[in-house]
Amino acid sequence: MHSSSSDRPRRRPAVTAAAALGLLIAAAGIAQPTAASATTQDNPPAVPTSLHTSPVTSCDGTTIVGDTDVYLYAKVSDPDGGTLGVDFLLSRRDSEPADAIAEAQVSAASGTNAVYIIRKDRLESAAGGSITEFDWKVRASDSDHTSDWSTVCHFSFDPTHPGTPVIAEPGASTVGQPLGIAVSAPSGGTVPTGYRYQLNAGGPVNVTADASGNATITVTPTSQTNILSVTSVSAGGNYGETATIYIISAAPSTNQADGDLTGDNIPDLVTVGAQNGLPSGLWLAPGTGEGDVSASPTDIGVNGNGRNSNGSPSDFDGSTVITGRFTGGAEQDVLAYFPNGMYAGTGMIIKGNGDGSPLSPVSGNSFHIQGGSLQDMYGDNPVQLANAGNTSGRNTGLPDLIGISGDSANGYALNLYASGFNAGLYFPITLNATTPDGTADWNDWTVATMQLPGAGGGSSTAMFLWNKSTGELDLWENLAADPETGDLTYTAYPVATEWNTGAAPNLQAADANGDGVPDLWAVSDGGTVTTDLFTDLSSTTPATVTRITGTLTTP
C-alpha cells in the first residue's frame, strides 16, 4: 500500500562545510570577520633605507662632489605594497631643516628606489661660491600614513673652478730621461687640491697638491721639443684653467739600438700600409723585448714622406721602408725606397725623432735619393734594398745599403751601395756573390738585414735570405765587402727549410728578444704578425725556431 506524501518523514536540509564551520564558531561565541575586514590592511610605510647618491658619496659627509647634478636615492617599502609618495628634503647643514633649498615629493613603487635629482644650478646658488655641506633625508607615505624621517645623510658640494696654475721653468733635460717640474697655485681664488698634466700626446696623469697648492710632476721627454699642459683641479674634481709650456730637450748622448724608434733600446716593427689589410701609412708597432710587438700600431707616416708639400699617409704606398742611422745621428731614421711605379729608383730619408712620434719630413729633416743614383751598370734600379751598416768598411758614419738589381736579359746580382759622406749619397758596387743555392738567381730571393752589436761599440750586418718558391731560409752574419774587388765574406747558417713556402709576407729582421741572435718578423694578410725566434745556429743543421703570432689592429 502506498503512503501519501503527508505521511512521509521530512528530510533535513543539507549543511555545507562552510556553514557547519560557521555554526561551530557561533556556538563558541567567536565573532566572524566581515568581508571588508578580511581583505583590507592598513599598515604604515617603513622608514626609507639605503640612502645613496650619484656621484657616489658617503652618508657621513666626508665626500665632496664636483660642480654637477646630484641624484638622491632611497629604498622605500610598505607591507601593503602599492605606490608610495616619497618626500626628499635637502638643506644646508648650517641652517634649519625648515630652510630647505629643495623639498619635493616623488612616487615610487614599494620595494624600489625612489630618486630625486638636485640640479647643479640650485646647488650652486645655495653654495654661494664656496664648498658647502648639505643634509638630506627621506620619508614615505601612503594614503593614510607617513613614515618617520630616515637617517640624515650629508655631502659637500664644490662649485669652484681654480685659476691657471704656475709652472716653474724646467731645468736641463734629455730625451728619455725623467724630469721633475714644480707647479704652484694660481695667484688668487681657489687653491687647487691637485693637477692633471699631459706631455705631448701621452695619456693624462693626476698628481695631488699640498695644502698650499704646490706639487711636483715628473715627466720623461719623448722628443727634443715637448709640450706640457697642466690643469688645476678643485677638491670636488672640477677642472680649472690650463697652463702650457714647451720643454726643449737634448738628444740622447748614446746611439739608439738597431731598429729602435721609440727610445727604449728595443727594436720596433715598422711596416708600410695599403697592403696586408692595413690602411695607408707607415705603421709602428713597438717591440716588447719578448719577441712579439704591440697589437696597436701608430701611424708615424701621417705627415707624408716630404716629397709633396701636402703630406699624406698614402705617400708611402708602394714603398719599401727600412730603418737605420741614415743621417748620422743617435736616433734611428727611416728610408723609404720605391722599387717601381712613378717614383721608381728614388727614395726619401726622414730623420727619426727617437720617441716613436710621427715623422716630420720638413726641410733639414728629409733627404732625397735621386733617381738613377742607385742604378747598376745595366741601368737597372734595385728591386730590393736593406741596411748594410759598415759592410764596405769605409767608416763614413752613415750606413751602406745592400740590395738586388737586374733584368731578365742581363741577369740579377747582389749589390752593395757604399755610403758617401752625405745622407742619401750612395755608390753602387756589384758583389761577387752567389745565392745560398749556388746560383745567380737573385731575383728569387728576398733579403732582410739587421745590425748586431760588435766589440768597441761597433756593429756588423746580419742578413736573412729567403727563397719563397722553395722555402729555404738562410742567415749570413758578419758581412764584409771589398769595394774595390766586389768580394763578399760572411758566416753562413742554414736556418730553416720549407719556411713560408709560396707566401708573400713583408719581412723585417731584428733581435726581437734581445738574445743576440737575429730573428724575423713577417707581416701578412689581415695584419697578421709572425715572430720567429731563432736559437742554436749551426753551419750544418737548421736552427731551433720558436713562433709567436699576433694581429695588428689599426685605429
Protein backbone atom coordinates (compact mmCIF):
# COMPACT_ATOMS: atom_id res chain seq x y z
CA MET A 1 0.00 0.00 0.00
CA HIS A 2 1.35 3.44 -0.82
CA SER A 3 1.63 6.12 1.80
CA SER A 4 0.68 9.67 0.97
CA SER A 5 3.25 12.41 0.97
CA SER A 6 1.85 13.77 4.15
CA ASP A 7 2.67 10.56 5.84
CA ARG A 8 6.41 10.54 4.83
CA PRO A 9 9.06 11.66 7.36
CA ARG A 10 10.61 15.11 6.49
CA ARG A 11 14.30 15.10 5.36
CA ARG A 12 16.72 17.59 6.93
CA PRO A 13 18.26 20.14 4.55
CA ALA A 14 21.95 19.53 3.62
CA VAL A 15 24.53 21.56 5.61
CA THR A 16 27.69 22.68 3.75
CA ALA A 17 31.17 22.52 5.31
CA ALA A 18 31.39 26.29 5.37
CA ALA A 19 28.01 26.62 7.04
CA ALA A 20 28.92 23.97 9.58
CA LEU A 21 32.12 25.83 10.39
CA GLY A 22 30.08 28.98 10.88
CA LEU A 23 27.71 27.24 13.26
CA LEU A 24 30.61 25.93 15.32
CA ILE A 25 32.22 29.39 15.51
CA ALA A 26 28.88 30.92 16.51
CA ALA A 27 28.33 28.26 19.16
CA ALA A 28 31.75 29.07 20.57
CA GLY A 29 30.89 32.74 20.79
CA ILE A 30 33.63 33.86 18.32
CA ALA A 31 32.85 36.90 16.19
CA GLN A 32 33.09 36.19 12.48
CA PRO A 33 35.15 38.66 10.35
CA THR A 34 33.28 40.74 7.85
CA ALA A 35 34.29 40.64 4.18
CA ALA A 36 35.77 44.14 4.40
CA SER A 37 37.99 43.46 7.42
CA ALA A 38 39.20 40.20 5.93
CA THR A 39 40.63 41.82 2.78
CA THR A 40 41.75 45.31 3.87
CA GLN A 41 45.03 46.01 5.70
CA ASP A 42 46.29 49.45 6.74
CA ASN A 43 49.99 49.29 7.67
CA PRO A 44 52.24 52.37 7.62
CA PRO A 45 55.20 52.52 5.20
CA ALA A 46 58.61 51.58 6.55
CA VAL A 47 61.25 54.22 7.16
CA PRO A 48 63.28 54.60 3.90
CA THR A 49 66.67 52.89 3.88
CA SER A 50 69.79 52.53 1.68
CA LEU A 51 70.26 56.24 1.12
CA HIS A 52 72.90 56.87 -1.56
CA THR A 53 73.80 59.32 -4.28
CA SER A 54 75.29 59.68 -7.73
CA PRO A 55 78.08 60.78 -7.86
CA VAL A 56 78.79 58.35 -5.04
CA THR A 57 79.10 59.93 -1.59
CA SER A 58 79.50 58.68 1.95
CA CYS A 59 76.47 59.24 4.19
CA ASP A 60 78.72 60.57 6.97
CA GLY A 61 79.53 63.69 4.96
CA THR A 62 83.22 63.09 4.19
CA THR A 63 82.71 63.22 0.42
CA ILE A 64 82.98 66.31 -1.79
CA VAL A 65 81.19 66.23 -5.13
CA GLY A 66 82.05 68.47 -8.04
CA ASP A 67 80.01 71.03 -9.95
CA THR A 68 77.33 68.69 -11.32
CA ASP A 69 73.78 67.45 -10.75
CA VAL A 70 73.39 65.17 -7.73
CA TYR A 71 70.97 62.23 -7.77
CA LEU A 72 69.46 61.23 -4.38
CA TYR A 73 68.24 57.64 -3.93
CA ALA A 74 66.36 55.86 -1.14
CA LYS A 75 64.71 52.45 -0.96
CA VAL A 76 61.02 52.59 0.11
CA SER A 77 58.67 49.81 1.14
CA ASP A 78 55.21 49.21 2.58
CA PRO A 79 53.86 45.89 3.93
CA ASP A 80 50.70 46.57 1.94
CA GLY A 81 52.63 47.19 -1.30
CA GLY A 82 51.40 49.71 -3.82
CA THR A 83 52.74 53.08 -4.87
CA LEU A 84 54.11 55.44 -2.25
CA GLY A 85 54.72 59.14 -2.08
CA VAL A 86 58.33 59.89 -1.18
CA ASP A 87 59.42 63.22 0.35
CA PHE A 88 63.02 64.40 -0.14
CA LEU A 89 64.31 67.26 1.97
CA LEU A 90 67.68 68.94 1.29
CA SER A 91 69.10 71.82 3.31
CA ARG A 92 72.40 73.45 4.12
CA ARG A 93 73.89 71.84 7.18
CA ASP A 94 74.46 75.24 8.77
CA SER A 95 70.74 76.13 8.52
CA GLU A 96 67.50 74.83 9.98
CA PRO A 97 65.74 71.97 8.15
CA ALA A 98 62.81 74.31 7.65
CA ASP A 99 65.07 76.39 5.43
CA ALA A 100 65.15 73.70 2.77
CA ILE A 101 66.70 74.53 -0.56
CA ALA A 102 64.98 71.54 -2.16
CA GLU A 103 61.80 69.82 -0.98
CA ALA A 104 59.80 67.61 -3.28
CA GLN A 105 57.63 64.52 -3.39
CA VAL A 106 58.06 61.82 -5.99
CA SER A 107 56.31 58.49 -6.46
CA ALA A 108 57.87 55.06 -6.24
CA ALA A 109 56.60 51.50 -6.07
CA SER A 110 57.08 49.65 -2.79
CA GLY A 111 60.36 47.75 -2.81
CA THR A 112 62.11 50.07 -5.28
CA ASN A 113 64.47 53.02 -5.12
CA ALA A 114 62.93 56.47 -5.24
CA VAL A 115 65.11 59.06 -6.98
CA TYR A 116 65.20 62.84 -6.89
CA ILE A 117 67.59 64.99 -8.94
CA ILE A 118 69.10 68.14 -7.45
CA ARG A 119 70.18 70.32 -10.35
CA LYS A 120 73.60 71.88 -10.10
CA ASP A 121 72.32 75.42 -10.58
CA ARG A 122 70.25 75.06 -7.39
CA LEU A 123 73.26 73.70 -5.53
CA GLU A 124 75.48 76.47 -6.91
CA SER A 125 73.00 79.10 -5.76
CA ALA A 126 72.82 77.62 -2.27
CA ALA A 127 76.60 77.17 -2.03
CA GLY A 128 77.33 80.78 -2.84
CA GLY A 129 80.70 80.18 -4.50
CA SER A 130 82.36 78.02 -1.83
CA ILE A 131 82.40 74.39 -0.76
CA THR A 132 79.20 73.80 1.24
CA GLU A 133 77.89 70.81 3.21
CA PHE A 134 74.29 69.71 2.76
CA ASP A 135 71.97 67.43 4.77
CA TRP A 136 69.27 65.33 3.22
CA LYS A 137 66.65 62.89 4.44
CA VAL A 138 63.64 60.98 3.12
CA ARG A 139 60.23 59.74 4.29
CA ALA A 140 57.46 57.73 2.66
CA SER A 141 53.67 57.93 2.82
CA ASP A 142 50.56 56.17 1.63
CA SER A 143 47.01 57.49 1.63
CA ASP A 144 46.71 57.28 5.42
CA HIS A 145 50.15 57.10 6.97
CA THR A 146 53.55 58.76 6.80
CA SER A 147 56.77 57.10 7.96
CA ASP A 148 59.34 58.71 10.21
CA TRP A 149 62.20 60.56 8.55
CA SER A 150 65.16 58.45 7.53
CA THR A 151 68.69 58.79 8.80
CA VAL A 152 70.13 62.15 7.81
CA CYS A 153 72.94 61.89 5.26
CA HIS A 154 75.45 64.57 4.28
CA PHE A 155 77.66 65.56 1.36
CA SER A 156 79.66 68.60 0.39
CA PHE A 157 79.21 70.38 -2.93
CA ASP A 158 82.10 72.17 -4.65
CA PRO A 159 81.13 74.89 -7.16
CA THR A 160 84.66 76.26 -7.52
CA HIS A 161 86.96 76.17 -10.55
CA PRO A 162 90.59 77.08 -9.82
CA GLY A 163 92.56 79.53 -11.95
CA THR A 164 95.66 78.98 -14.08
CA PRO A 165 98.46 77.10 -12.31
CA VAL A 166 102.02 78.38 -12.30
CA ILE A 167 104.57 76.04 -13.93
CA ALA A 168 108.18 76.63 -12.93
CA GLU A 169 110.81 76.96 -15.65
CA PRO A 170 112.13 73.42 -16.24
CA GLY A 171 115.81 72.62 -15.88
CA ALA A 172 118.02 70.99 -18.48
CA SER A 173 116.61 67.75 -19.84
CA THR A 174 117.45 64.89 -22.17
CA VAL A 175 115.13 62.80 -24.30
CA GLY A 176 114.25 59.61 -22.44
CA GLN A 177 115.37 60.89 -19.01
CA PRO A 178 112.90 61.78 -16.18
CA LEU A 179 112.48 65.48 -15.39
CA GLY A 180 110.88 66.97 -12.27
CA ILE A 181 108.92 70.23 -12.63
CA ALA A 182 107.37 72.31 -9.81
CA VAL A 183 103.78 73.52 -10.07
CA SER A 184 102.17 76.06 -7.71
CA ALA A 185 98.71 77.50 -7.12
CA PRO A 186 97.23 80.43 -9.06
CA SER A 187 97.87 83.87 -7.60
CA GLY A 188 94.27 84.18 -6.38
CA GLY A 189 90.99 82.33 -5.97
CA THR A 190 90.52 78.70 -5.05
CA VAL A 191 93.63 76.75 -4.10
CA PRO A 192 93.81 73.56 -6.21
CA THR A 193 93.99 70.24 -4.41
CA GLY A 194 95.68 68.63 -7.40
CA TYR A 195 96.69 68.93 -11.03
CA ARG A 196 96.12 66.96 -14.22
CA TYR A 197 99.01 67.05 -16.67
CA GLN A 198 99.79 65.72 -20.12
CA LEU A 199 103.05 65.58 -22.08
CA ASN A 200 102.75 65.67 -25.86
CA ALA A 201 100.18 63.06 -26.95
CA GLY A 202 100.63 60.91 -23.85
CA GLY A 203 97.82 59.98 -21.50
CA PRO A 204 96.77 62.45 -18.78
CA VAL A 205 98.16 61.94 -15.26
CA ASN A 206 96.85 63.24 -11.92
CA VAL A 207 99.00 64.46 -9.04
CA THR A 208 97.95 65.60 -5.56
CA ALA A 209 98.97 69.03 -4.27
CA ASP A 210 99.79 70.01 -0.69
CA ALA A 211 97.61 72.35 1.38
CA SER A 212 99.18 75.37 -0.33
CA GLY A 213 98.56 74.01 -3.83
CA ASN A 214 102.17 73.03 -4.51
CA ALA A 215 103.11 69.83 -6.35
CA THR A 216 105.96 68.30 -8.30
CA ILE A 217 105.23 66.46 -11.52
CA THR A 218 107.67 64.10 -13.20
CA VAL A 219 107.72 63.72 -16.97
CA THR A 220 110.04 61.94 -19.40
CA PRO A 221 110.62 63.97 -22.58
CA THR A 222 109.89 61.86 -25.64
CA SER A 223 111.27 64.24 -28.25
CA GLN A 224 113.53 67.25 -28.43
CA THR A 225 110.54 69.60 -28.49
CA ASN A 226 107.82 68.73 -25.98
CA ILE A 227 104.54 70.35 -24.95
CA LEU A 228 103.46 70.11 -21.30
CA SER A 229 99.91 71.07 -20.29
CA VAL A 230 98.88 71.38 -16.63
CA THR A 231 95.28 71.91 -15.46
CA SER A 232 94.31 72.85 -11.90
CA VAL A 233 91.76 70.63 -10.14
CA SER A 234 89.50 71.58 -7.20
CA ALA A 235 88.61 69.46 -4.16
CA GLY A 236 85.46 68.23 -5.90
CA GLY A 237 87.35 67.31 -9.06
CA ASN A 238 86.33 70.39 -11.05
CA TYR A 239 88.79 71.30 -13.79
CA GLY A 240 90.08 74.84 -13.71
CA GLU A 241 92.33 76.73 -16.10
CA THR A 242 95.23 75.21 -18.04
CA ALA A 243 98.84 76.36 -18.40
CA THR A 244 101.08 75.17 -21.24
CA ILE A 245 104.86 75.33 -21.69
CA TYR A 246 107.43 73.98 -24.14
CA ILE A 247 110.25 71.75 -22.93
CA ILE A 248 113.32 71.69 -25.16
CA SER A 249 115.37 68.56 -24.51
CA ALA A 250 118.77 67.40 -25.69
CA ALA A 251 119.08 64.35 -27.90
CA PRO A 252 120.28 61.14 -26.24
CA SER A 253 124.06 61.02 -25.91
CA THR A 254 124.23 57.36 -26.98
CA ASN A 255 123.02 55.75 -30.17
CA GLN A 256 119.65 54.06 -30.10
CA ALA A 257 119.62 50.31 -30.63
CA ASP A 258 119.20 48.99 -34.15
CA GLY A 259 115.54 49.20 -35.17
CA ASP A 260 114.51 51.11 -32.04
CA LEU A 261 112.32 54.07 -32.98
CA THR A 262 110.73 54.61 -29.54
CA GLY A 263 113.81 55.17 -27.38
CA ASP A 264 113.64 52.11 -25.14
CA ASN A 265 116.53 50.23 -26.82
CA ILE A 266 114.14 47.52 -28.02
CA PRO A 267 113.68 47.06 -31.80
CA ASP A 268 110.28 48.01 -33.20
CA LEU A 269 108.30 46.72 -36.15
CA VAL A 270 107.79 49.22 -38.99
CA THR A 271 105.56 48.24 -41.90
CA VAL A 272 104.04 50.07 -44.87
CA GLY A 273 100.27 50.27 -45.22
CA ALA A 274 97.94 49.94 -48.22
CA GLN A 275 98.71 46.20 -48.06
CA ASN A 276 98.20 43.25 -45.72
CA GLY A 277 94.90 44.69 -44.54
CA LEU A 278 96.49 47.88 -43.16
CA PRO A 279 95.42 51.41 -44.16
CA SER A 280 97.84 53.72 -45.94
CA GLY A 281 100.61 54.98 -43.71
CA LEU A 282 103.81 53.92 -42.02
CA TRP A 283 102.79 51.78 -39.08
CA LEU A 284 104.99 51.47 -35.99
CA ALA A 285 104.33 48.60 -33.57
CA PRO A 286 106.69 48.86 -30.58
CA GLY A 287 108.56 45.70 -29.68
CA THR A 288 108.10 44.21 -26.22
CA GLY A 289 111.57 42.72 -25.86
CA GLU A 290 109.99 39.27 -25.56
CA GLY A 291 109.72 38.76 -29.31
CA ASP A 292 106.22 39.99 -30.04
CA VAL A 293 105.03 43.54 -30.76
CA SER A 294 102.20 45.81 -29.66
CA ALA A 295 98.91 44.94 -31.32
CA SER A 296 98.02 48.65 -31.61
CA PRO A 297 100.41 50.34 -34.04
CA THR A 298 100.57 54.09 -34.66
CA ASP A 299 100.98 55.82 -38.00
CA ILE A 300 104.30 57.67 -37.88
CA GLY A 301 103.88 58.49 -41.57
CA VAL A 302 100.78 60.63 -41.11
CA ASN A 303 102.71 63.73 -42.29
CA GLY A 304 103.86 62.07 -45.52
CA ASN A 305 107.42 61.45 -46.69
CA GLY A 306 108.41 65.01 -47.63
CA ARG A 307 108.11 64.56 -51.37
CA ASN A 308 104.95 66.69 -51.57
CA SER A 309 104.05 69.88 -49.72
CA ASN A 310 100.71 68.38 -48.70
CA GLY A 311 101.97 65.28 -46.97
CA SER A 312 99.70 62.25 -46.69
CA PRO A 313 99.98 58.72 -45.27
CA SER A 314 99.49 57.48 -48.82
CA ASP A 315 102.91 58.96 -49.72
CA PHE A 316 104.36 55.65 -48.50
CA ASP A 317 102.13 53.42 -50.65
CA GLY A 318 104.24 51.04 -52.74
CA SER A 319 107.48 51.80 -50.96
CA THR A 320 109.93 49.59 -49.10
CA VAL A 321 110.87 51.06 -45.71
CA ILE A 322 113.98 50.26 -43.68
CA THR A 323 115.45 51.85 -40.56
CA GLY A 324 118.96 52.91 -39.60
CA ARG A 325 121.10 55.92 -38.66
CA PHE A 326 120.95 57.27 -42.20
CA THR A 327 121.54 60.89 -41.12
CA GLY A 328 124.37 60.03 -38.73
CA GLY A 329 122.54 61.00 -35.52
CA ALA A 330 121.82 58.95 -32.42
CA GLU A 331 118.25 58.23 -33.50
CA GLN A 332 117.06 55.58 -35.92
CA ASP A 333 115.88 57.18 -39.16
CA VAL A 334 113.56 55.91 -41.88
CA LEU A 335 114.47 55.27 -45.54
CA ALA A 336 111.54 54.84 -47.95
CA TYR A 337 112.54 53.41 -51.35
CA PHE A 338 110.27 52.97 -54.36
CA PRO A 339 111.29 49.92 -56.44
CA ASN A 340 108.69 50.63 -59.14
CA GLY A 341 105.89 52.95 -60.13
CA MET A 342 106.01 56.68 -60.77
CA TYR A 343 108.95 57.20 -58.42
CA ALA A 344 110.87 54.03 -59.28
CA GLY A 345 114.51 54.14 -58.24
CA THR A 346 114.05 57.12 -55.88
CA GLY A 347 113.76 57.35 -52.16
CA MET A 348 113.41 59.60 -49.13
CA ILE A 349 115.35 59.59 -45.88
CA ILE A 350 113.41 61.07 -42.94
CA LYS A 351 115.16 61.86 -39.68
CA GLY A 352 113.78 59.94 -36.72
CA ASN A 353 112.51 61.59 -33.54
CA GLY A 354 113.75 58.88 -31.22
CA ASP A 355 110.43 58.69 -29.40
CA GLY A 356 108.04 56.91 -31.76
CA SER A 357 106.16 60.10 -32.60
CA PRO A 358 105.10 60.92 -36.20
CA LEU A 359 107.95 61.80 -38.52
CA SER A 360 108.41 65.44 -39.56
CA PRO A 361 109.62 65.45 -43.17
CA VAL A 362 110.35 69.18 -43.21
CA SER A 363 113.39 70.85 -44.73
CA GLY A 364 116.50 69.74 -42.87
CA ASN A 365 114.78 66.58 -41.65
CA SER A 366 114.39 64.84 -45.01
CA PHE A 367 116.82 63.95 -47.79
CA HIS A 368 116.19 62.75 -51.35
CA ILE A 369 117.74 59.73 -53.02
CA GLN A 370 117.82 60.91 -56.59
CA GLY A 371 116.51 58.82 -59.46
CA GLY A 372 119.30 56.95 -61.27
CA SER A 373 121.79 57.25 -58.41
CA LEU A 374 121.34 53.58 -57.46
CA GLN A 375 121.37 52.09 -60.97
CA ASP A 376 123.76 49.25 -61.76
CA MET A 377 125.99 49.02 -64.85
CA TYR A 378 122.98 47.98 -66.97
CA GLY A 379 120.82 50.89 -65.82
CA ASP A 380 118.66 48.76 -63.55
CA ASN A 381 117.31 50.16 -60.28
CA PRO A 382 117.33 47.95 -57.19
CA VAL A 383 114.25 45.80 -56.74
CA GLN A 384 115.16 45.39 -53.05
CA LEU A 385 117.16 47.45 -50.53
CA ALA A 386 118.31 46.79 -46.97
CA ASN A 387 120.57 48.43 -44.38
CA ALA A 388 124.16 47.15 -44.71
CA GLY A 389 125.79 49.08 -41.86
CA ASN A 390 129.54 49.44 -42.38
CA THR A 391 129.83 46.44 -44.69
CA SER A 392 132.10 48.42 -47.04
CA GLY A 393 134.48 49.26 -44.19
CA ARG A 394 134.62 52.87 -45.40
CA ASN A 395 133.65 54.24 -41.94
CA THR A 396 131.72 57.20 -43.29
CA GLY A 397 129.46 57.32 -40.22
CA LEU A 398 126.48 56.60 -42.48
CA PRO A 399 125.26 53.07 -43.26
CA ASP A 400 125.75 51.37 -46.60
CA LEU A 401 122.86 49.66 -48.37
CA ILE A 402 122.68 46.19 -49.87
CA GLY A 403 120.17 45.03 -52.43
CA ILE A 404 119.28 43.15 -55.58
CA SER A 405 119.02 44.54 -59.11
CA GLY A 406 118.94 43.21 -62.63
CA ASP A 407 116.73 42.22 -65.53
CA SER A 408 115.86 39.11 -67.50
CA ALA A 409 118.35 39.91 -70.25
CA ASN A 410 121.41 40.62 -68.13
CA GLY A 411 120.56 38.56 -65.07
CA TYR A 412 120.36 39.62 -61.44
CA ALA A 413 123.06 40.36 -58.86
CA LEU A 414 123.58 41.25 -55.23
CA ASN A 415 124.90 44.80 -54.96
CA LEU A 416 126.45 46.96 -52.28
CA TYR A 417 125.58 50.66 -52.26
CA ALA A 418 128.51 52.18 -50.38
CA SER A 419 127.55 55.34 -48.50
CA GLY A 420 129.09 58.72 -49.16
CA PHE A 421 129.61 61.36 -46.51
CA ASN A 422 126.20 62.97 -47.10
CA ALA A 423 122.80 61.49 -46.34
CA GLY A 424 121.25 59.98 -49.47
CA LEU A 425 124.53 59.63 -51.41
CA TYR A 426 125.50 56.07 -52.46
CA PHE A 427 127.88 54.35 -54.88
CA PRO A 428 126.65 51.06 -56.44
CA ILE A 429 129.08 48.09 -56.40
CA THR A 430 128.25 44.68 -57.88
CA LEU A 431 129.26 41.92 -55.47
CA ASN A 432 130.84 38.64 -56.44
CA ALA A 433 128.34 36.51 -54.57
CA THR A 434 126.04 33.66 -55.47
CA THR A 435 122.80 32.78 -53.72
CA PRO A 436 122.72 30.15 -50.94
CA ASP A 437 121.82 27.52 -53.52
CA GLY A 438 124.98 28.38 -55.52
CA THR A 439 123.29 30.12 -58.45
CA ALA A 440 122.79 33.70 -59.61
CA ASP A 441 119.00 33.56 -59.37
CA TRP A 442 118.93 36.56 -57.02
CA ASN A 443 115.52 37.56 -58.32
CA ASP A 444 114.10 34.52 -56.49
CA TRP A 445 115.43 35.65 -53.12
CA THR A 446 114.23 38.16 -50.52
CA VAL A 447 116.72 39.78 -48.15
CA ALA A 448 116.24 41.41 -44.74
CA THR A 449 119.03 42.77 -42.54
CA MET A 450 119.82 43.96 -39.04
CA GLN A 451 122.88 45.24 -37.18
CA LEU A 452 124.45 43.07 -34.50
CA PRO A 453 126.44 44.89 -31.76
CA GLY A 454 130.17 44.37 -32.03
CA ALA A 455 133.23 44.94 -29.88
CA GLY A 456 134.19 48.52 -29.08
CA GLY A 457 130.74 49.92 -29.85
CA GLY A 458 130.78 48.86 -33.49
CA SER A 459 128.37 46.60 -35.30
CA SER A 460 128.18 44.05 -38.09
CA THR A 461 125.48 43.25 -40.59
CA ALA A 462 123.41 40.07 -40.44
CA MET A 463 121.26 39.22 -43.48
CA PHE A 464 118.43 36.72 -43.88
CA LEU A 465 117.95 35.27 -47.37
CA TRP A 466 114.64 33.58 -48.21
CA ASN A 467 113.54 31.75 -51.36
CA LYS A 468 109.75 31.80 -51.30
CA SER A 469 109.37 29.17 -54.03
CA THR A 470 111.36 26.55 -52.11
CA GLY A 471 111.01 27.87 -48.54
CA GLU A 472 114.77 27.80 -47.95
CA LEU A 473 115.81 30.34 -45.28
CA ASP A 474 119.45 31.16 -44.61
CA LEU A 475 121.34 33.65 -42.44
CA TRP A 476 124.62 35.35 -43.30
CA GLU A 477 126.40 37.12 -40.46
CA ASN A 478 129.49 39.35 -40.33
CA LEU A 479 129.07 40.71 -43.85
CA ALA A 480 132.23 42.40 -45.14
CA ALA A 481 132.77 43.63 -48.71
CA ASP A 482 135.79 44.93 -50.60
CA PRO A 483 134.58 47.98 -52.59
CA GLU A 484 137.49 47.60 -54.99
CA THR A 485 137.03 43.95 -55.93
CA GLY A 486 133.36 43.32 -55.02
CA ASP A 487 134.33 40.30 -52.93
CA LEU A 488 131.94 39.50 -50.07
CA THR A 489 132.70 37.42 -46.99
CA TYR A 490 130.23 36.20 -44.38
CA THR A 491 129.42 33.39 -41.95
CA ALA A 492 126.56 31.24 -43.28
CA TYR A 493 123.89 29.37 -41.32
CA PRO A 494 121.10 27.22 -42.83
CA VAL A 495 118.20 28.44 -40.66
CA ALA A 496 115.10 26.63 -41.96
CA THR A 497 113.58 24.65 -44.82
CA GLU A 498 110.06 24.97 -46.19
CA TRP A 499 109.73 28.29 -44.37
CA ASN A 500 106.54 30.10 -45.53
CA THR A 501 106.80 28.38 -48.89
CA GLY A 502 104.75 30.20 -51.54
CA ALA A 503 103.72 33.02 -49.18
CA ALA A 504 104.45 36.71 -49.71
CA PRO A 505 104.91 38.37 -46.32
CA ASN A 506 106.85 41.56 -45.66
CA LEU A 507 109.99 40.72 -43.69
CA GLN A 508 111.91 42.66 -41.06
CA ALA A 509 114.98 41.33 -39.30
CA ALA A 510 115.57 42.24 -35.64
CA ASP A 511 116.92 40.84 -32.41
CA ALA A 512 113.33 40.70 -31.18
CA ASN A 513 114.04 39.11 -27.78
CA GLY A 514 117.48 40.57 -27.06
CA ASP A 515 119.41 37.28 -27.01
CA GLY A 516 121.98 38.39 -29.59
CA VAL A 517 120.60 36.12 -32.34
CA PRO A 518 118.79 37.64 -35.36
CA ASP A 519 115.05 36.95 -35.57
CA LEU A 520 112.38 37.61 -38.20
CA TRP A 521 109.06 39.46 -38.17
CA ALA A 522 106.71 38.62 -41.06
CA VAL A 523 103.61 40.74 -41.75
CA SER A 524 100.95 39.11 -43.92
CA ASP A 525 97.27 39.33 -44.86
CA GLY A 526 94.90 40.65 -42.24
CA GLY A 527 97.69 42.42 -40.36
CA THR A 528 99.00 39.11 -39.01
CA VAL A 529 102.46 39.40 -37.45
CA THR A 530 104.51 36.24 -37.09
CA THR A 531 107.66 36.37 -34.96
CA ASP A 532 110.17 33.60 -35.48
CA LEU A 533 112.80 33.49 -32.72
CA PHE A 534 115.89 31.52 -33.71
CA THR A 535 118.38 29.73 -31.46
CA ASP A 536 121.03 27.04 -31.83
CA LEU A 537 122.52 28.38 -35.06
CA SER A 538 124.65 25.79 -36.83
CA SER A 539 126.64 25.73 -40.03
CA THR A 540 125.27 22.28 -40.87
CA THR A 541 121.74 21.91 -39.48
CA PRO A 542 118.65 24.17 -39.28
CA ALA A 543 118.16 26.36 -36.22
CA THR A 544 115.59 25.90 -33.49
CA VAL A 545 112.53 28.09 -34.12
CA THR A 546 110.01 29.47 -31.61
CA ARG A 547 106.99 31.12 -33.22
CA ILE A 548 104.74 33.86 -31.83
CA THR A 549 101.68 35.07 -33.75
CA GLY A 550 99.66 38.24 -33.29
CA THR A 551 97.50 40.68 -35.23
CA LEU A 552 97.87 44.42 -35.77
CA THR A 553 94.71 46.43 -35.15
CA THR A 554 94.88 49.96 -36.55
CA PRO A 555 92.69 52.85 -35.31
